[in-house]
PDB file of all heavy atoms in Angstrom:
ATOM      1  N   LYS A   1      15.720 -23.466  63.924  1.00  0.00           N
ATOM      2  CA  LYS A   1      14.931 -23.034  65.046  1.00  0.00           C
ATOM      3  C   LYS A   1      15.689 -23.421  66.351  1.00  0.00           C
ATOM      4  O   LYS A   1      16.262 -24.479  66.421  1.00  0.00           O
ATOM      5  CB  LYS A   1      13.595 -23.761  65.050  1.00  0.00           C
ATOM      6  CG  LYS A   1      12.599 -23.256  64.011  1.00  0.00           C
ATOM      7  CD  LYS A   1      11.243 -23.841  64.208  1.00  0.00           C
ATOM      8  CE  LYS A   1      10.267 -23.311  63.188  1.00  0.00           C
ATOM      9  NZ  LYS A   1       9.050 -23.951  63.205  1.00  0.00           N
ATOM     10  N   MET A   2      15.661 -22.525  67.225  1.00  0.00           N
ATOM     11  CA  MET A   2      16.303 -22.737  68.578  1.00  0.00           C
ATOM     12  C   MET A   2      15.403 -23.581  69.414  1.00  0.00           C
ATOM     13  O   MET A   2      14.219 -23.224  69.509  1.00  0.00           O
ATOM     14  CB  MET A   2      16.717 -21.443  69.274  1.00  0.00           C
ATOM     15  CG  MET A   2      17.699 -20.610  68.510  1.00  0.00           C
ATOM     16  SD  MET A   2      19.215 -21.443  68.461  1.00  0.00           S
ATOM     17  CE  MET A   2      20.365 -20.164  68.337  1.00  0.00           C
ATOM     18  N   ARG A   3      15.932 -24.642  69.963  1.00  0.00           N
ATOM     19  CA  ARG A   3      15.118 -25.461  70.848  1.00  0.00           C
ATOM     20  C   ARG A   3      15.341 -25.115  72.283  1.00  0.00           C
ATOM     21  O   ARG A   3      16.365 -24.611  72.666  1.00  0.00           O
ATOM     22  CB  ARG A   3      15.297 -26.950  70.499  1.00  0.00           C
ATOM     23  CG  ARG A   3      16.778 -27.404  70.699  1.00  0.00           C
ATOM     24  CD  ARG A   3      16.845 -28.822  70.332  1.00  0.00           C
ATOM     25  NE  ARG A   3      18.006 -29.015  69.472  1.00  0.00           N
ATOM     26  CZ  ARG A   3      18.495 -30.224  69.148  1.00  0.00           C
ATOM     27  NH1 ARG A   3      17.893 -31.241  69.567  1.00  0.00           N
ATOM     28  NH2 ARG A   3      19.530 -30.340  68.397  1.00  0.00           N
ATOM     29  N   ALA A   4      14.399 -25.451  73.117  1.00  0.00           N
ATOM     30  CA  ALA A   4      14.527 -25.231  74.548  1.00  0.00           C
ATOM     31  C   ALA A   4      15.535 -26.186  75.161  1.00  0.00           C
ATOM     32  O   ALA A   4      15.656 -27.273  74.723  1.00  0.00           O
ATOM     33  CB  ALA A   4      13.181 -25.388  75.178  1.00  0.00           C
ATOM     34  N   LEU A   5      16.175 -25.755  76.160  1.00  0.00           N
ATOM     35  CA  LEU A   5      17.146 -26.581  76.863  1.00  0.00           C
ATOM     36  C   LEU A   5      16.419 -27.536  77.823  1.00  0.00           C
ATOM     37  O   LEU A   5      15.393 -27.138  78.403  1.00  0.00           O
ATOM     38  CB  LEU A   5      18.153 -25.741  77.669  1.00  0.00           C
ATOM     39  CG  LEU A   5      19.109 -24.858  76.823  1.00  0.00           C
ATOM     40  CD1 LEU A   5      19.901 -23.972  77.850  1.00  0.00           C
ATOM     41  CD2 LEU A   5      19.999 -25.646  75.913  1.00  0.00           C
ATOM     42  N   SER A   6      16.967 -28.741  77.914  1.00  0.00           N
ATOM     43  CA  SER A   6      16.344 -29.792  78.837  1.00  0.00           C
ATOM     44  C   SER A   6      16.714 -29.392  80.256  1.00  0.00           C
ATOM     45  O   SER A   6      17.596 -28.565  80.503  1.00  0.00           O
ATOM     46  CB  SER A   6      16.861 -31.170  78.476  1.00  0.00           C
ATOM     47  OG  SER A   6      18.243 -31.250  78.790  1.00  0.00           O
ATOM     48  N   ALA A   7      16.053 -30.011  81.161  1.00  0.00           N
ATOM     49  CA  ALA A   7      16.310 -29.791  82.593  1.00  0.00           C
ATOM     50  C   ALA A   7      17.758 -30.147  82.935  1.00  0.00           C
ATOM     51  O   ALA A   7      18.462 -29.433  83.673  1.00  0.00           O
ATOM     52  CB  ALA A   7      15.401 -30.537  83.460  1.00  0.00           C
ATOM     53  N   THR A   8      18.303 -31.250  82.321  1.00  0.00           N
ATOM     54  CA  THR A   8      19.669 -31.627  82.556  1.00  0.00           C
ATOM     55  C   THR A   8      20.637 -30.603  82.073  1.00  0.00           C
ATOM     56  O   THR A   8      21.638 -30.269  82.756  1.00  0.00           O
ATOM     57  CB  THR A   8      19.947 -33.013  81.896  1.00  0.00           C
ATOM     58  OG1 THR A   8      18.929 -33.957  82.309  1.00  0.00           O
ATOM     59  CG2 THR A   8      21.311 -33.531  82.291  1.00  0.00           C
ATOM     60  N   GLN A   9      20.403 -30.085  80.898  1.00  0.00           N
ATOM     61  CA  GLN A   9      21.254 -29.068  80.310  1.00  0.00           C
ATOM     62  C   GLN A   9      21.215 -27.817  81.189  1.00  0.00           C
ATOM     63  O   GLN A   9      22.275 -27.219  81.355  1.00  0.00           O
ATOM     64  CB  GLN A   9      20.818 -28.709  78.906  1.00  0.00           C
ATOM     65  CG  GLN A   9      21.130 -29.845  77.856  1.00  0.00           C
ATOM     66  CD  GLN A   9      20.589 -29.472  76.496  1.00  0.00           C
ATOM     67  OE1 GLN A   9      19.505 -28.948  76.357  1.00  0.00           O
ATOM     68  NE2 GLN A   9      21.349 -29.844  75.515  1.00  0.00           N
ATOM     69  N   LYS A  10      20.087 -27.391  81.652  1.00  0.00           N
ATOM     70  CA  LYS A  10      19.959 -26.262  82.476  1.00  0.00           C
ATOM     71  C   LYS A  10      20.784 -26.421  83.762  1.00  0.00           C
ATOM     72  O   LYS A  10      21.455 -25.501  84.222  1.00  0.00           O
ATOM     73  CB  LYS A  10      18.545 -25.906  82.799  1.00  0.00           C
ATOM     74  CG  LYS A  10      17.792 -25.330  81.659  1.00  0.00           C
ATOM     75  CD  LYS A  10      16.317 -25.088  82.027  1.00  0.00           C
ATOM     76  CE  LYS A  10      15.538 -24.629  80.894  1.00  0.00           C
ATOM     77  NZ  LYS A  10      14.101 -24.432  81.184  1.00  0.00           N
ATOM     78  N   THR A  11      20.734 -27.617  84.317  1.00  0.00           N
ATOM     79  CA  THR A  11      21.500 -27.848  85.594  1.00  0.00           C
ATOM     80  C   THR A  11      23.025 -27.815  85.331  1.00  0.00           C
ATOM     81  O   THR A  11      23.763 -27.249  86.077  1.00  0.00           O
ATOM     82  CB  THR A  11      21.118 -29.283  86.105  1.00  0.00           C
ATOM     83  OG1 THR A  11      19.684 -29.357  86.316  1.00  0.00           O
ATOM     84  CG2 THR A  11      21.858 -29.576  87.475  1.00  0.00           C
ATOM     85  N   LEU A  12      23.468 -28.405  84.227  1.00  0.00           N
ATOM     86  CA  LEU A  12      24.861 -28.393  83.864  1.00  0.00           C
ATOM     87  C   LEU A  12      25.366 -26.936  83.706  1.00  0.00           C
ATOM     88  O   LEU A  12      26.428 -26.544  84.174  1.00  0.00           O
ATOM     89  CB  LEU A  12      25.130 -29.152  82.602  1.00  0.00           C
ATOM     90  CG  LEU A  12      25.066 -30.634  82.672  1.00  0.00           C
ATOM     91  CD1 LEU A  12      25.127 -31.274  81.306  1.00  0.00           C
ATOM     92  CD2 LEU A  12      26.314 -31.096  83.496  1.00  0.00           C
ATOM     93  N   LEU A  13      24.562 -26.121  83.033  1.00  0.00           N
ATOM     94  CA  LEU A  13      24.958 -24.737  82.740  1.00  0.00           C
ATOM     95  C   LEU A  13      24.988 -23.937  84.031  1.00  0.00           C
ATOM     96  O   LEU A  13      25.840 -23.061  84.246  1.00  0.00           O
ATOM     97  CB  LEU A  13      23.996 -24.106  81.767  1.00  0.00           C
ATOM     98  CG  LEU A  13      24.177 -24.585  80.340  1.00  0.00           C
ATOM     99  CD1 LEU A  13      23.064 -23.877  79.445  1.00  0.00           C
ATOM    100  CD2 LEU A  13      25.540 -24.095  79.819  1.00  0.00           C
ATOM    101  N   ARG A  14      23.953 -24.224  84.957  1.00  0.00           N
ATOM    102  CA  ARG A  14      23.966 -23.488  86.226  1.00  0.00           C
ATOM    103  C   ARG A  14      25.188 -23.731  87.070  1.00  0.00           C
ATOM    104  O   ARG A  14      25.811 -22.855  87.719  1.00  0.00           O
ATOM    105  CB  ARG A  14      22.767 -23.933  87.020  1.00  0.00           C
ATOM    106  CG  ARG A  14      22.405 -22.977  88.071  1.00  0.00           C
ATOM    107  CD  ARG A  14      21.022 -23.331  88.817  1.00  0.00           C
ATOM    108  NE  ARG A  14      19.977 -23.623  87.998  1.00  0.00           N
ATOM    109  CZ  ARG A  14      19.308 -24.792  87.853  1.00  0.00           C
ATOM    110  NH1 ARG A  14      19.642 -25.782  88.696  1.00  0.00           N
ATOM    111  NH2 ARG A  14      18.298 -24.960  87.058  1.00  0.00           N
ATOM    112  N   GLU A  15      25.682 -25.063  87.042  1.00  0.00           N
ATOM    113  CA  GLU A  15      26.907 -25.395  87.823  1.00  0.00           C
ATOM    114  C   GLU A  15      28.175 -24.844  87.154  1.00  0.00           C
ATOM    115  O   GLU A  15      29.119 -24.504  87.785  1.00  0.00           O
ATOM    116  CB  GLU A  15      26.935 -26.958  87.868  1.00  0.00           C
ATOM    117  CG  GLU A  15      25.896 -27.570  88.754  1.00  0.00           C
ATOM    118  CD  GLU A  15      25.969 -29.141  88.639  1.00  0.00           C
ATOM    119  OE1 GLU A  15      26.783 -29.706  87.927  1.00  0.00           O
ATOM    120  OE2 GLU A  15      25.052 -29.722  89.214  1.00  0.00           O
ATOM    121  N   HIS A  16      28.117 -24.752  85.831  1.00  0.00           N
ATOM    122  CA  HIS A  16      29.219 -24.327  85.041  1.00  0.00           C
ATOM    123  C   HIS A  16      29.432 -22.748  85.107  1.00  0.00           C
ATOM    124  O   HIS A  16      30.572 -22.391  84.953  1.00  0.00           O
ATOM    125  CB  HIS A  16      28.998 -24.757  83.603  1.00  0.00           C
ATOM    126  CG  HIS A  16      30.183 -24.693  82.642  1.00  0.00           C
ATOM    127  ND1 HIS A  16      31.220 -25.468  82.759  1.00  0.00           N
ATOM    128  CD2 HIS A  16      30.338 -23.827  81.574  1.00  0.00           C
ATOM    129  CE1 HIS A  16      32.065 -25.168  81.835  1.00  0.00           C
ATOM    130  NE2 HIS A  16      31.551 -24.230  81.069  1.00  0.00           N
ATOM    131  N   LYS A  17      28.387 -22.092  85.337  1.00  0.00           N
ATOM    132  CA  LYS A  17      28.557 -20.597  85.227  1.00  0.00           C
ATOM    133  C   LYS A  17      29.353 -19.927  86.328  1.00  0.00           C
ATOM    134  O   LYS A  17      29.842 -18.788  86.130  1.00  0.00           O
ATOM    135  CB  LYS A  17      27.152 -19.925  85.194  1.00  0.00           C
ATOM    136  CG  LYS A  17      26.437 -19.744  86.461  1.00  0.00           C
ATOM    137  CD  LYS A  17      25.145 -18.994  86.283  1.00  0.00           C
ATOM    138  CE  LYS A  17      24.430 -18.815  87.601  1.00  0.00           C
ATOM    139  NZ  LYS A  17      23.139 -18.139  87.341  1.00  0.00           N
ATOM    140  N   GLY A  18      29.633 -20.596  87.421  1.00  0.00           N
ATOM    141  CA  GLY A  18      30.505 -20.025  88.464  1.00  0.00           C
ATOM    142  C   GLY A  18      31.933 -19.878  88.026  1.00  0.00           C
ATOM    143  O   GLY A  18      32.605 -19.055  88.562  1.00  0.00           O
ATOM    144  N   LYS A  19      32.325 -20.628  87.059  1.00  0.00           N
ATOM    145  CA  LYS A  19      33.756 -20.656  86.706  1.00  0.00           C
ATOM    146  C   LYS A  19      33.967 -19.862  85.374  1.00  0.00           C
ATOM    147  O   LYS A  19      35.155 -19.741  84.981  1.00  0.00           O
ATOM    148  CB  LYS A  19      34.186 -22.099  86.445  1.00  0.00           C
ATOM    149  CG  LYS A  19      34.015 -22.959  87.686  1.00  0.00           C
ATOM    150  CD  LYS A  19      34.260 -24.417  87.335  1.00  0.00           C
ATOM    151  CE  LYS A  19      33.869 -25.280  88.527  1.00  0.00           C
ATOM    152  NZ  LYS A  19      33.149 -26.419  88.116  1.00  0.00           N
ATOM    153  N   HIS A  20      32.988 -19.380  84.667  1.00  0.00           N
ATOM    154  CA  HIS A  20      33.080 -18.742  83.401  1.00  0.00           C
ATOM    155  C   HIS A  20      32.318 -17.483  83.251  1.00  0.00           C
ATOM    156  O   HIS A  20      31.406 -17.227  83.996  1.00  0.00           O
ATOM    157  CB  HIS A  20      32.704 -19.790  82.344  1.00  0.00           C
ATOM    158  CG  HIS A  20      33.504 -20.988  82.248  1.00  0.00           C
ATOM    159  ND1 HIS A  20      34.757 -21.006  81.617  1.00  0.00           N
ATOM    160  CD2 HIS A  20      33.321 -22.194  82.724  1.00  0.00           C
ATOM    161  CE1 HIS A  20      35.279 -22.237  81.808  1.00  0.00           C
ATOM    162  NE2 HIS A  20      34.381 -22.925  82.416  1.00  0.00           N
ATOM    163  N   SER A  21      32.779 -16.658  82.240  1.00  0.00           N
ATOM    164  CA  SER A  21      32.152 -15.348  82.091  1.00  0.00           C
ATOM    165  C   SER A  21      30.727 -15.463  81.540  1.00  0.00           C
ATOM    166  O   SER A  21      30.288 -16.497  80.986  1.00  0.00           O
ATOM    167  CB  SER A  21      33.014 -14.495  81.060  1.00  0.00           C
ATOM    168  OG  SER A  21      32.994 -15.060  79.866  1.00  0.00           O
ATOM    169  N   ALA A  22      30.025 -14.360  81.583  1.00  0.00           N
ATOM    170  CA  ALA A  22      28.635 -14.274  81.074  1.00  0.00           C
ATOM    171  C   ALA A  22      28.672 -14.516  79.486  1.00  0.00           C
ATOM    172  O   ALA A  22      27.745 -15.125  78.956  1.00  0.00           O
ATOM    173  CB  ALA A  22      27.972 -12.989  81.433  1.00  0.00           C
ATOM    174  N   LYS A  23      29.646 -13.922  78.876  1.00  0.00           N
ATOM    175  CA  LYS A  23      29.740 -14.077  77.418  1.00  0.00           C
ATOM    176  C   LYS A  23      30.045 -15.520  76.992  1.00  0.00           C
ATOM    177  O   LYS A  23      29.430 -16.057  76.036  1.00  0.00           O
ATOM    178  CB  LYS A  23      30.978 -13.202  76.890  1.00  0.00           C
ATOM    179  CG  LYS A  23      30.921 -12.949  75.435  1.00  0.00           C
ATOM    180  CD  LYS A  23      31.928 -11.826  75.066  1.00  0.00           C
ATOM    181  CE  LYS A  23      31.813 -11.520  73.599  1.00  0.00           C
ATOM    182  NZ  LYS A  23      32.820 -10.513  73.229  1.00  0.00           N
ATOM    183  N   HIS A  24      30.825 -16.235  77.793  1.00  0.00           N
ATOM    184  CA  HIS A  24      31.180 -17.589  77.559  1.00  0.00           C
ATOM    185  C   HIS A  24      29.851 -18.439  77.672  1.00  0.00           C
ATOM    186  O   HIS A  24      29.524 -19.279  76.874  1.00  0.00           O
ATOM    187  CB  HIS A  24      32.214 -18.114  78.598  1.00  0.00           C
ATOM    188  CG  HIS A  24      32.447 -19.613  78.583  1.00  0.00           C
ATOM    189  ND1 HIS A  24      33.432 -20.131  77.847  1.00  0.00           N
ATOM    190  CD2 HIS A  24      31.785 -20.589  79.167  1.00  0.00           C
ATOM    191  CE1 HIS A  24      33.470 -21.467  78.072  1.00  0.00           C
ATOM    192  NE2 HIS A  24      32.454 -21.760  78.847  1.00  0.00           N
ATOM    193  N   MET A  25      29.076 -18.106  78.752  1.00  0.00           N
ATOM    194  CA  MET A  25      27.849 -18.840  79.030  1.00  0.00           C
ATOM    195  C   MET A  25      26.822 -18.595  77.906  1.00  0.00           C
ATOM    196  O   MET A  25      26.130 -19.481  77.505  1.00  0.00           O
ATOM    197  CB  MET A  25      27.323 -18.500  80.315  1.00  0.00           C
ATOM    198  CG  MET A  25      28.160 -18.876  81.544  1.00  0.00           C
ATOM    199  SD  MET A  25      28.667 -20.593  81.518  1.00  0.00           S
ATOM    200  CE  MET A  25      27.117 -21.426  81.666  1.00  0.00           C
TER     201      MET A  25
END
């Protein structure tokens, strides 16, 4: 089962997405 991402994980991904492709994300 896929679990929901925590608030911290969402923040990390949001900051990370500027440097990487949509497929990578």
